[in-house]
Amino acid sequence: MLKVSCILTSYNRPVMISDAISSVLNQSYPHWELFIVDDHSNQETQDVLHAFACMDARIHIIQSGVSEADRRKTTRYATCINMAIPRLTGDLVTYLTDDDIYYPERFEKMVEVFEANEHIHIVYGKQCFAVMVEDGQIHRSGIRPLVGITRDPVLNIDHNSIMHRKSCFRLVHRWNDDPAIWAWADAVFFEQLAAHWDFHPVDYVTDEHRHHPNSIQAKHNRQEKVYVGITENALNNSNNRVRFDDLLERLFRKKQ
């Protein structure tokens, strides 16, 4: 039985991360481990994390211990992911952010593909894209469609929707955490994977990406300079922002 290693990055979202962790605990497939890499969150968030870790031995917490002076010098979620990679003991690797959730059969459906196809190294699923406002309620949602077997994952596949074999790290060793790519470090990692392997679709809605005022993508769309090292080229990269906004409109237009 293949073991799934999930890396969940955390920073100061005590309410939303409870939903994220619960979505892993509620998986129909039981053979997994969860590494929560917390980027020196406030005490409320850390209390939530430790309460979950005490409930289930499959949950492990890594504290980054980053100083405030160093926090904005790298793309933090990529840095945190890199901290977990050497500790993974699973056969398959997947990712989750602290404001998103998995759907219950995600691991099961994806593992089935890997077990039946030794040549497949990467899979991805459909994604429910939800827009939330300050009250925590979902006001709009749409489904990000599959694009078939592809080597063009950028803007077609999300951070939370993929799973890959751990052996991929033999060729792509880590995530690039250069601050110049803070809004699309996942896209850069995907491009590195796609240089070697196809992304294979799983016809199942695997996860829910929650777009809210404090999400990384929302900050990017507002052109907030959240990392001191970000380059002017990255800050003014309107092409990615426009394409992302167009994706939102297409998803919601289809639902209507």
C-alpha atoms as a PDB file:
ATOM      1  CA  MET A   1       0.000   0.000   0.000  1.00  0.00           C
ATOM      2  CA  LEU A   2       1.455   3.342  -1.068  1.00  0.00           C
ATOM      3  CA  LYS A   3       1.929   5.950   1.650  1.00  0.00           C
ATOM      4  CA  VAL A   4       0.959   9.595   1.048  1.00  0.00           C
ATOM      5  CA  SER A   5       3.068  12.398   2.522  1.00  0.00           C
ATOM      6  CA  CYS A   6       1.153  15.677   2.755  1.00  0.00           C
ATOM      7  CA  ILE A   7       2.911  19.000   3.392  1.00  0.00           C
ATOM      8  CA  LEU A   8       0.673  21.696   4.871  1.00  0.00           C
ATOM      9  CA  THR A   9       2.081  25.213   5.237  1.00  0.00           C
ATOM     10  CA  SER A  10       0.750  27.356   8.084  1.00  0.00           C
ATOM     11  CA  TYR A  11       0.862  30.979   9.175  1.00  0.00           C
ATOM     12  CA  ASN A  12      -1.594  32.753  11.488  1.00  0.00           C
ATOM     13  CA  ARG A  13      -4.875  31.194  10.325  1.00  0.00           C
ATOM     14  CA  PRO A  14      -6.152  29.387  13.457  1.00  0.00           C
ATOM     15  CA  VAL A  15      -9.734  29.022  12.195  1.00  0.00           C
ATOM     16  CA  MET A  16      -9.146  28.106   8.555  1.00  0.00           C
ATOM     17  CA  ILE A  17      -6.319  25.677   9.278  1.00  0.00           C
ATOM     18  CA  SER A  18      -8.677  23.642  11.434  1.00  0.00           C
ATOM     19  CA  ASP A  19     -10.733  22.979   8.300  1.00  0.00           C
ATOM     20  CA  ALA A  20      -7.581  22.140   6.328  1.00  0.00           C
ATOM     21  CA  ILE A  21      -6.290  19.613   8.871  1.00  0.00           C
ATOM     22  CA  SER A  22      -9.751  18.100   9.328  1.00  0.00           C
ATOM     23  CA  SER A  23      -9.952  17.536   5.572  1.00  0.00           C
ATOM     24  CA  VAL A  24      -6.836  15.349   5.808  1.00  0.00           C
ATOM     25  CA  LEU A  25      -8.138  13.495   8.858  1.00  0.00           C
ATOM     26  CA  ASN A  26     -11.385  12.812   6.972  1.00  0.00           C
ATOM     27  CA  GLN A  27      -9.686  11.102   4.022  1.00  0.00           C
ATOM     28  CA  SER A  28     -11.129   7.721   3.100  1.00  0.00           C
ATOM     29  CA  TYR A  29      -7.562   6.501   2.460  1.00  0.00           C
ATOM     30  CA  PRO A  30      -5.828   5.955   5.828  1.00  0.00           C
ATOM     31  CA  HIS A  31      -2.177   5.423   4.891  1.00  0.00           C
ATOM     32  CA  TRP A  32      -0.787   8.952   5.119  1.00  0.00           C
ATOM     33  CA  GLU A  33       1.403  11.289   7.137  1.00  0.00           C
ATOM     34  CA  LEU A  34       0.903  15.031   7.532  1.00  0.00           C
ATOM     35  CA  PHE A  35       3.749  17.460   8.055  1.00  0.00           C
ATOM     36  CA  ILE A  36       2.501  20.876   9.142  1.00  0.00           C
ATOM     37  CA  VAL A  37       5.250  23.426   8.636  1.00  0.00           C
ATOM     38  CA  ASP A  38       4.321  26.425  10.752  1.00  0.00           C
ATOM     39  CA  ASP A  39       6.082  29.672   9.895  1.00  0.00           C
ATOM     40  CA  HIS A  40       6.341  30.988  13.475  1.00  0.00           C
ATOM     41  CA  SER A  41       2.613  31.714  13.870  1.00  0.00           C
ATOM     42  CA  ASN A  42       0.910  33.375  16.819  1.00  0.00           C
ATOM     43  CA  GLN A  43       0.152  31.339  19.927  1.00  0.00           C
ATOM     44  CA  GLU A  44      -3.513  30.824  19.013  1.00  0.00           C
ATOM     45  CA  THR A  45      -2.533  29.094  15.771  1.00  0.00           C
ATOM     46  CA  GLN A  46       0.148  27.000  17.472  1.00  0.00           C
ATOM     47  CA  ASP A  47      -2.346  25.855  20.119  1.00  0.00           C
ATOM     48  CA  VAL A  48      -4.665  24.627  17.351  1.00  0.00           C
ATOM     49  CA  LEU A  49      -1.846  22.751  15.635  1.00  0.00           C
ATOM     50  CA  HIS A  50      -0.675  21.005  18.792  1.00  0.00           C
ATOM     51  CA  ALA A  51      -4.232  20.004  19.705  1.00  0.00           C
ATOM     52  CA  PHE A  52      -4.546  18.205  16.376  1.00  0.00           C
ATOM     53  CA  ALA A  53      -1.083  16.626  16.685  1.00  0.00           C
ATOM     54  CA  CYS A  54      -2.068  15.180  20.069  1.00  0.00           C
ATOM     55  CA  MET A  55      -5.120  13.570  18.449  1.00  0.00           C
ATOM     56  CA  ASP A  56      -3.329  11.628  15.709  1.00  0.00           C
ATOM     57  CA  ALA A  57       0.236  10.261  15.575  1.00  0.00           C
ATOM     58  CA  ARG A  58       0.297  10.687  11.797  1.00  0.00           C
ATOM     59  CA  ILE A  59       0.451  14.481  12.261  1.00  0.00           C
ATOM     60  CA  HIS A  60       3.878  16.078  12.709  1.00  0.00           C
ATOM     61  CA  ILE A  61       4.677  19.752  13.305  1.00  0.00           C
ATOM     62  CA  ILE A  62       7.783  21.537  12.087  1.00  0.00           C
ATOM     63  CA  GLN A  63       8.388  25.065  13.377  1.00  0.00           C
ATOM     64  CA  SER A  64      10.386  27.285  11.037  1.00  0.00           C
ATOM     65  CA  GLY A  65      11.574  29.591  13.824  1.00  0.00           C
ATOM     66  CA  VAL A  66      11.960  32.380  11.268  1.00  0.00           C
ATOM     67  CA  SER A  67      12.755  35.824  12.637  1.00  0.00           C
ATOM     68  CA  GLU A  68      10.694  38.835  11.600  1.00  0.00           C
ATOM     69  CA  ALA A  69      13.824  40.295  10.019  1.00  0.00           C
ATOM     70  CA  ASP A  70      14.166  37.254   7.744  1.00  0.00           C
ATOM     71  CA  ARG A  71      10.498  36.494   7.105  1.00  0.00           C
ATOM     72  CA  ARG A  72      10.184  38.532   3.915  1.00  0.00           C
ATOM     73  CA  LYS A  73      13.476  37.485   2.353  1.00  0.00           C
ATOM     74  CA  THR A  74      12.120  34.338   0.688  1.00  0.00           C
ATOM     75  CA  THR A  75       8.886  32.943  -0.676  1.00  0.00           C
ATOM     76  CA  ARG A  76       7.867  31.513   2.667  1.00  0.00           C
ATOM     77  CA  TYR A  77       5.525  28.705   1.618  1.00  0.00           C
ATOM     78  CA  ALA A  78       8.225  27.360  -0.704  1.00  0.00           C
ATOM     79  CA  THR A  79      10.838  27.665   2.046  1.00  0.00           C
ATOM     80  CA  CYS A  80       8.543  25.802   4.440  1.00  0.00           C
ATOM     81  CA  ILE A  81       7.887  23.024   1.934  1.00  0.00           C
ATOM     82  CA  ASN A  82      11.641  22.576   1.516  1.00  0.00           C
ATOM     83  CA  MET A  83      11.996  22.140   5.286  1.00  0.00           C
ATOM     84  CA  ALA A  84       9.625  19.156   5.204  1.00  0.00           C
ATOM     85  CA  ILE A  85      11.024  17.332   2.165  1.00  0.00           C
ATOM     86  CA  PRO A  86      13.959  15.598   3.950  1.00  0.00           C
ATOM     87  CA  ARG A  87      11.582  14.202   6.587  1.00  0.00           C
ATOM     88  CA  LEU A  88       9.057  12.591   4.254  1.00  0.00           C
ATOM     89  CA  THR A  89       8.676   8.813   4.543  1.00  0.00           C
ATOM     90  CA  GLY A  90       5.879   8.306   2.012  1.00  0.00           C
ATOM     91  CA  ASP A  91       5.898   7.091  -1.579  1.00  0.00           C
ATOM     92  CA  LEU A  92       3.733   9.965  -2.854  1.00  0.00           C
ATOM     93  CA  VAL A  93       3.820  13.691  -2.060  1.00  0.00           C
ATOM     94  CA  THR A  94       1.019  16.237  -2.051  1.00  0.00           C
ATOM     95  CA  TYR A  95       0.523  19.783  -0.817  1.00  0.00           C
ATOM     96  CA  LEU A  96      -2.060  21.840   1.054  1.00  0.00           C
ATOM     97  CA  THR A  97      -2.283  25.449   2.208  1.00  0.00           C
ATOM     98  CA  ASP A  98      -3.825  26.570   5.481  1.00  0.00           C
ATOM     99  CA  ASP A  99      -6.862  28.244   3.897  1.00  0.00           C
ATOM    100  CA  ASP A 100      -7.903  25.402   1.555  1.00  0.00           C
ATOM    101  CA  ILE A 101      -9.370  21.904   1.974  1.00  0.00           C
ATOM    102  CA  TYR A 102      -9.275  18.456   0.398  1.00  0.00           C
ATOM    103  CA  TYR A 103     -12.369  16.460  -0.519  1.00  0.00           C
ATOM    104  CA  PRO A 104     -12.732  13.085   1.267  1.00  0.00           C
ATOM    105  CA  GLU A 105     -11.774  10.672  -1.514  1.00  0.00           C
ATOM    106  CA  ARG A 106      -8.843  12.699  -2.831  1.00  0.00           C
ATOM    107  CA  PHE A 107      -6.039  10.429  -1.605  1.00  0.00           C
ATOM    108  CA  GLU A 108      -7.923   7.253  -2.495  1.00  0.00           C
ATOM    109  CA  LYS A 109      -8.670   8.309  -6.092  1.00  0.00           C
ATOM    110  CA  MET A 110      -5.132   9.509  -6.738  1.00  0.00           C
ATOM    111  CA  VAL A 111      -3.408   6.515  -5.165  1.00  0.00           C
ATOM    112  CA  GLU A 112      -5.480   4.195  -7.365  1.00  0.00           C
ATOM    113  CA  VAL A 113      -3.942   5.804 -10.463  1.00  0.00           C
ATOM    114  CA  PHE A 114      -0.381   5.407  -9.171  1.00  0.00           C
ATOM    115  CA  GLU A 115      -0.940   1.798  -8.148  1.00  0.00           C
ATOM    116  CA  ALA A 116      -2.300   0.890 -11.579  1.00  0.00           C
ATOM    117  CA  ASN A 117       0.257   2.854 -13.634  1.00  0.00           C
ATOM    118  CA  GLU A 118       3.924   2.593 -12.699  1.00  0.00           C
ATOM    119  CA  HIS A 119       4.893   4.954 -15.531  1.00  0.00           C
ATOM    120  CA  ILE A 120       2.812   7.841 -14.143  1.00  0.00           C
ATOM    121  CA  HIS A 121       4.699  10.236 -11.869  1.00  0.00           C
ATOM    122  CA  ILE A 122       2.243  13.124 -11.442  1.00  0.00           C
ATOM    123  CA  VAL A 123      -1.541  13.345 -11.206  1.00  0.00           C
ATOM    124  CA  TYR A 124      -3.941  16.229 -10.675  1.00  0.00           C
ATOM    125  CA  GLY A 125      -7.665  16.576 -10.078  1.00  0.00           C
ATOM    126  CA  LYS A 126     -10.503  18.971 -10.718  1.00  0.00           C
ATOM    127  CA  GLN A 127     -10.729  21.859  -8.284  1.00  0.00           C
ATOM    128  CA  CYS A 128     -13.641  23.715  -6.771  1.00  0.00           C
ATOM    129  CA  PHE A 129     -12.696  27.386  -6.789  1.00  0.00           C
ATOM    130  CA  ALA A 130     -14.595  29.295  -4.115  1.00  0.00           C
ATOM    131  CA  VAL A 131     -14.672  33.017  -3.362  1.00  0.00           C
ATOM    132  CA  MET A 132     -15.174  33.904   0.291  1.00  0.00           C
ATOM    133  CA  VAL A 133     -15.756  37.301   1.889  1.00  0.00           C
ATOM    134  CA  GLU A 134     -14.986  38.530   5.383  1.00  0.00           C
ATOM    135  CA  ASP A 135     -17.868  36.622   7.013  1.00  0.00           C
ATOM    136  CA  GLY A 136     -16.346  33.306   5.945  1.00  0.00           C
ATOM    137  CA  GLN A 137     -19.263  32.416   3.668  1.00  0.00           C
ATOM    138  CA  ILE A 138     -18.757  31.189   0.109  1.00  0.00           C
ATOM    139  CA  HIS A 139     -20.511  33.559  -2.290  1.00  0.00           C
ATOM    140  CA  ARG A 140     -19.383  32.204  -5.654  1.00  0.00           C
ATOM    141  CA  SER A 141     -17.832  28.960  -6.792  1.00  0.00           C
ATOM    142  CA  GLY A 142     -16.842  27.196  -9.978  1.00  0.00           C
ATOM    143  CA  ILE A 143     -14.966  24.117 -11.110  1.00  0.00           C
ATOM    144  CA  ARG A 144     -11.516  24.437 -12.617  1.00  0.00           C
ATOM    145  CA  PRO A 145     -11.716  21.889 -15.472  1.00  0.00           C
ATOM    146  CA  LEU A 146      -9.216  19.208 -16.369  1.00  0.00           C
ATOM    147  CA  VAL A 147      -6.945  19.891 -19.340  1.00  0.00           C
ATOM    148  CA  GLY A 148      -6.090  16.267 -20.105  1.00  0.00           C
ATOM    149  CA  ILE A 149      -2.589  14.843 -20.058  1.00  0.00           C
ATOM    150  CA  THR A 150      -0.405  17.927 -20.166  1.00  0.00           C
ATOM    151  CA  ARG A 151       3.028  19.424 -19.821  1.00  0.00           C
ATOM    152  CA  ASP A 152       1.536  22.910 -19.618  1.00  0.00           C
ATOM    153  CA  PRO A 153       0.392  23.023 -15.977  1.00  0.00           C
ATOM    154  CA  VAL A 154       0.874  26.732 -15.298  1.00  0.00           C
ATOM    155  CA  LEU A 155      -2.469  28.442 -14.595  1.00  0.00           C
ATOM    156  CA  ASN A 156      -4.225  25.206 -15.533  1.00  0.00           C
ATOM    157  CA  ILE A 157      -3.453  23.294 -12.323  1.00  0.00           C
ATOM    158  CA  ASP A 158      -3.324  24.519  -8.725  1.00  0.00           C
ATOM    159  CA  HIS A 159      -0.838  23.936  -5.900  1.00  0.00           C
ATOM    160  CA  ASN A 160      -3.398  21.899  -3.911  1.00  0.00           C
ATOM    161  CA  SER A 161      -4.569  19.704  -6.795  1.00  0.00           C
ATOM    162  CA  ILE A 162      -1.455  17.649  -7.546  1.00  0.00           C
ATOM    163  CA  MET A 163       0.209  14.549  -6.189  1.00  0.00           C
ATOM    164  CA  HIS A 164       3.559  13.215  -7.373  1.00  0.00           C
ATOM    165  CA  ARG A 165       5.900  10.365  -6.610  1.00  0.00           C
ATOM    166  CA  LYS A 166       8.561  11.201  -4.035  1.00  0.00           C
ATOM    167  CA  SER A 167      11.110   9.889  -6.521  1.00  0.00           C
ATOM    168  CA  CYS A 168      10.544  13.097  -8.527  1.00  0.00           C
ATOM    169  CA  PHE A 169      12.795  14.834  -5.983  1.00  0.00           C
ATOM    170  CA  ARG A 170      15.747  12.928  -7.449  1.00  0.00           C
ATOM    171  CA  LEU A 171      15.574  15.251 -10.468  1.00  0.00           C
ATOM    172  CA  VAL A 172      13.731  18.272  -9.038  1.00  0.00           C
ATOM    173  CA  HIS A 173      15.299  18.549  -5.616  1.00  0.00           C
ATOM    174  CA  ARG A 174      13.401  21.424  -4.040  1.00  0.00           C
ATOM    175  CA  TRP A 175      11.027  24.347  -4.550  1.00  0.00           C
ATOM    176  CA  ASN A 176      12.521  27.623  -5.708  1.00  0.00           C
ATOM    177  CA  ASP A 177      11.924  30.149  -2.908  1.00  0.00           C
ATOM    178  CA  ASP A 178      13.358  33.234  -4.597  1.00  0.00           C
ATOM    179  CA  PRO A 179      11.248  36.201  -3.366  1.00  0.00           C
ATOM    180  CA  ALA A 180      10.872  37.419  -6.943  1.00  0.00           C
ATOM    181  CA  ILE A 181       8.397  34.595  -7.582  1.00  0.00           C
ATOM    182  CA  TRP A 182       6.408  34.785  -4.336  1.00  0.00           C
ATOM    183  CA  ALA A 183       3.032  34.676  -6.102  1.00  0.00           C
ATOM    184  CA  TRP A 184       3.812  31.757  -8.408  1.00  0.00           C
ATOM    185  CA  ALA A 185       6.478  29.553  -6.815  1.00  0.00           C
ATOM    186  CA  ASP A 186       4.121  26.630  -7.357  1.00  0.00           C
ATOM    187  CA  ALA A 187       3.999  27.395 -11.089  1.00  0.00           C
ATOM    188  CA  VAL A 188       7.803  27.411 -11.247  1.00  0.00           C
ATOM    189  CA  PHE A 189       7.930  24.042  -9.458  1.00  0.00           C
ATOM    190  CA  PHE A 190       5.306  22.656 -11.829  1.00  0.00           C
ATOM    191  CA  GLU A 191       7.342  23.805 -14.839  1.00  0.00           C
ATOM    192  CA  GLN A 192      10.368  21.989 -13.437  1.00  0.00           C
ATOM    193  CA  LEU A 193       8.320  18.808 -13.024  1.00  0.00           C
ATOM    194  CA  ALA A 194       6.845  19.170 -16.507  1.00  0.00           C
ATOM    195  CA  ALA A 195      10.339  19.202 -17.997  1.00  0.00           C
ATOM    196  CA  HIS A 196      10.495  15.507 -17.079  1.00  0.00           C
ATOM    197  CA  TRP A 197       6.958  14.113 -16.741  1.00  0.00           C
ATOM    198  CA  ASP A 198       3.369  14.477 -17.936  1.00  0.00           C
ATOM    199  CA  PHE A 199       0.615  15.627 -15.565  1.00  0.00           C
ATOM    200  CA  HIS A 200      -2.188  13.034 -15.690  1.00  0.00           C
ATOM    201  CA  PRO A 201      -5.807  13.969 -14.837  1.00  0.00           C
ATOM    202  CA  VAL A 202      -8.015  12.303 -12.233  1.00  0.00           C
ATOM    203  CA  ASP A 203     -11.695  12.818 -13.040  1.00  0.00           C
ATOM    204  CA  TYR A 204     -12.694  13.834  -9.515  1.00  0.00           C
ATOM    205  CA  VAL A 205     -13.024  17.139  -7.650  1.00  0.00           C
ATOM    206  CA  THR A 206     -10.077  16.734  -5.304  1.00  0.00           C
ATOM    207  CA  ASP A 207      -9.912  20.015  -3.419  1.00  0.00           C
ATOM    208  CA  GLU A 208     -11.425  23.421  -2.734  1.00  0.00           C
ATOM    209  CA  HIS A 209      -9.326  26.537  -3.234  1.00  0.00           C
ATOM    210  CA  ARG A 210     -10.665  29.383  -1.148  1.00  0.00           C
ATOM    211  CA  HIS A 211     -10.017  32.835  -2.540  1.00  0.00           C
ATOM    212  CA  HIS A 212     -10.473  35.468   0.183  1.00  0.00           C
ATOM    213  CA  PRO A 213      -9.203  38.997   0.916  1.00  0.00           C
ATOM    214  CA  ASN A 214      -6.100  37.786   2.765  1.00  0.00           C
ATOM    215  CA  SER A 215      -5.099  34.995   0.375  1.00  0.00           C
ATOM    216  CA  ILE A 216      -1.747  35.218  -1.403  1.00  0.00           C
ATOM    217  CA  GLN A 217      -3.445  35.508  -4.787  1.00  0.00           C
ATOM    218  CA  ALA A 218      -5.707  38.341  -3.579  1.00  0.00           C
ATOM    219  CA  LYS A 219      -2.659  40.249  -2.333  1.00  0.00           C
ATOM    220  CA  HIS A 220      -0.943  39.634  -5.656  1.00  0.00           C
ATOM    221  CA  ASN A 221      -3.960  40.968  -7.533  1.00  0.00           C
ATOM    222  CA  ARG A 222      -3.833  44.126  -5.387  1.00  0.00           C
ATOM    223  CA  GLN A 223      -0.122  44.414  -6.242  1.00  0.00           C
ATOM    224  CA  GLU A 224       0.842  44.458  -2.575  1.00  0.00           C
ATOM    225  CA  LYS A 225       4.594  44.353  -2.034  1.00  0.00           C
ATOM    226  CA  VAL A 226       4.530  41.681   0.656  1.00  0.00           C
ATOM    227  CA  TYR A 227       8.145  40.565   0.223  1.00  0.00           C
ATOM    228  CA  VAL A 228      10.949  43.115   0.500  1.00  0.00           C
ATOM    229  CA  GLY A 229      13.067  41.231  -2.022  1.00  0.00           C
ATOM    230  CA  ILE A 230      10.457  41.202  -4.776  1.00  0.00           C
ATOM    231  CA  THR A 231      11.686  42.601  -8.064  1.00  0.00           C
ATOM    232  CA  GLU A 232       9.960  45.409  -9.907  1.00  0.00           C
ATOM    233  CA  ASN A 233       9.478  43.026 -12.816  1.00  0.00           C
ATOM    234  CA  ALA A 234       7.544  40.629 -10.585  1.00  0.00           C
ATOM    235  CA  LEU A 235       5.583  43.436  -8.954  1.00  0.00           C
ATOM    236  CA  ASN A 236       4.482  44.781 -12.316  1.00  0.00           C
ATOM    237  CA  ASN A 237       3.734  41.413 -13.891  1.00  0.00           C
ATOM    238  CA  SER A 238       0.211  42.266 -14.991  1.00  0.00           C
ATOM    239  CA  ASN A 239       0.112  39.406 -17.508  1.00  0.00           C
ATOM    240  CA  ASN A 240      -0.231  36.725 -14.816  1.00  0.00           C
ATOM    241  CA  ARG A 241      -2.739  38.835 -12.889  1.00  0.00           C
ATOM    242  CA  VAL A 242      -4.953  39.430 -15.904  1.00  0.00           C
ATOM    243  CA  ARG A 243      -4.862  35.754 -16.866  1.00  0.00           C
ATOM    244  CA  PHE A 244      -5.839  34.783 -13.322  1.00  0.00           C
ATOM    245  CA  ASP A 245      -8.747  37.251 -13.268  1.00  0.00           C
ATOM    246  CA  ASP A 246      -9.865  35.866 -16.638  1.00  0.00           C
ATOM    247  CA  LEU A 247      -9.835  32.352 -15.149  1.00  0.00           C
ATOM    248  CA  LEU A 248     -12.171  33.502 -12.369  1.00  0.00           C
ATOM    249  CA  GLU A 249     -14.587  35.033 -14.822  1.00  0.00           C
ATOM    250  CA  ARG A 250     -14.600  31.943 -17.049  1.00  0.00           C
ATOM    251  CA  LEU A 251     -15.270  29.613 -14.110  1.00  0.00           C
ATOM    252  CA  PHE A 252     -18.177  31.627 -12.783  1.00  0.00           C
ATOM    253  CA  ARG A 253     -19.592  32.344 -16.226  1.00  0.00           C
ATOM    254  CA  LYS A 254     -19.768  28.579 -16.878  1.00  0.00           C
ATOM    255  CA  LYS A 255     -21.641  27.976 -13.636  1.00  0.00           C
ATOM    256  CA  GLN A 256     -24.178  30.699 -14.381  1.00  0.00           C
END
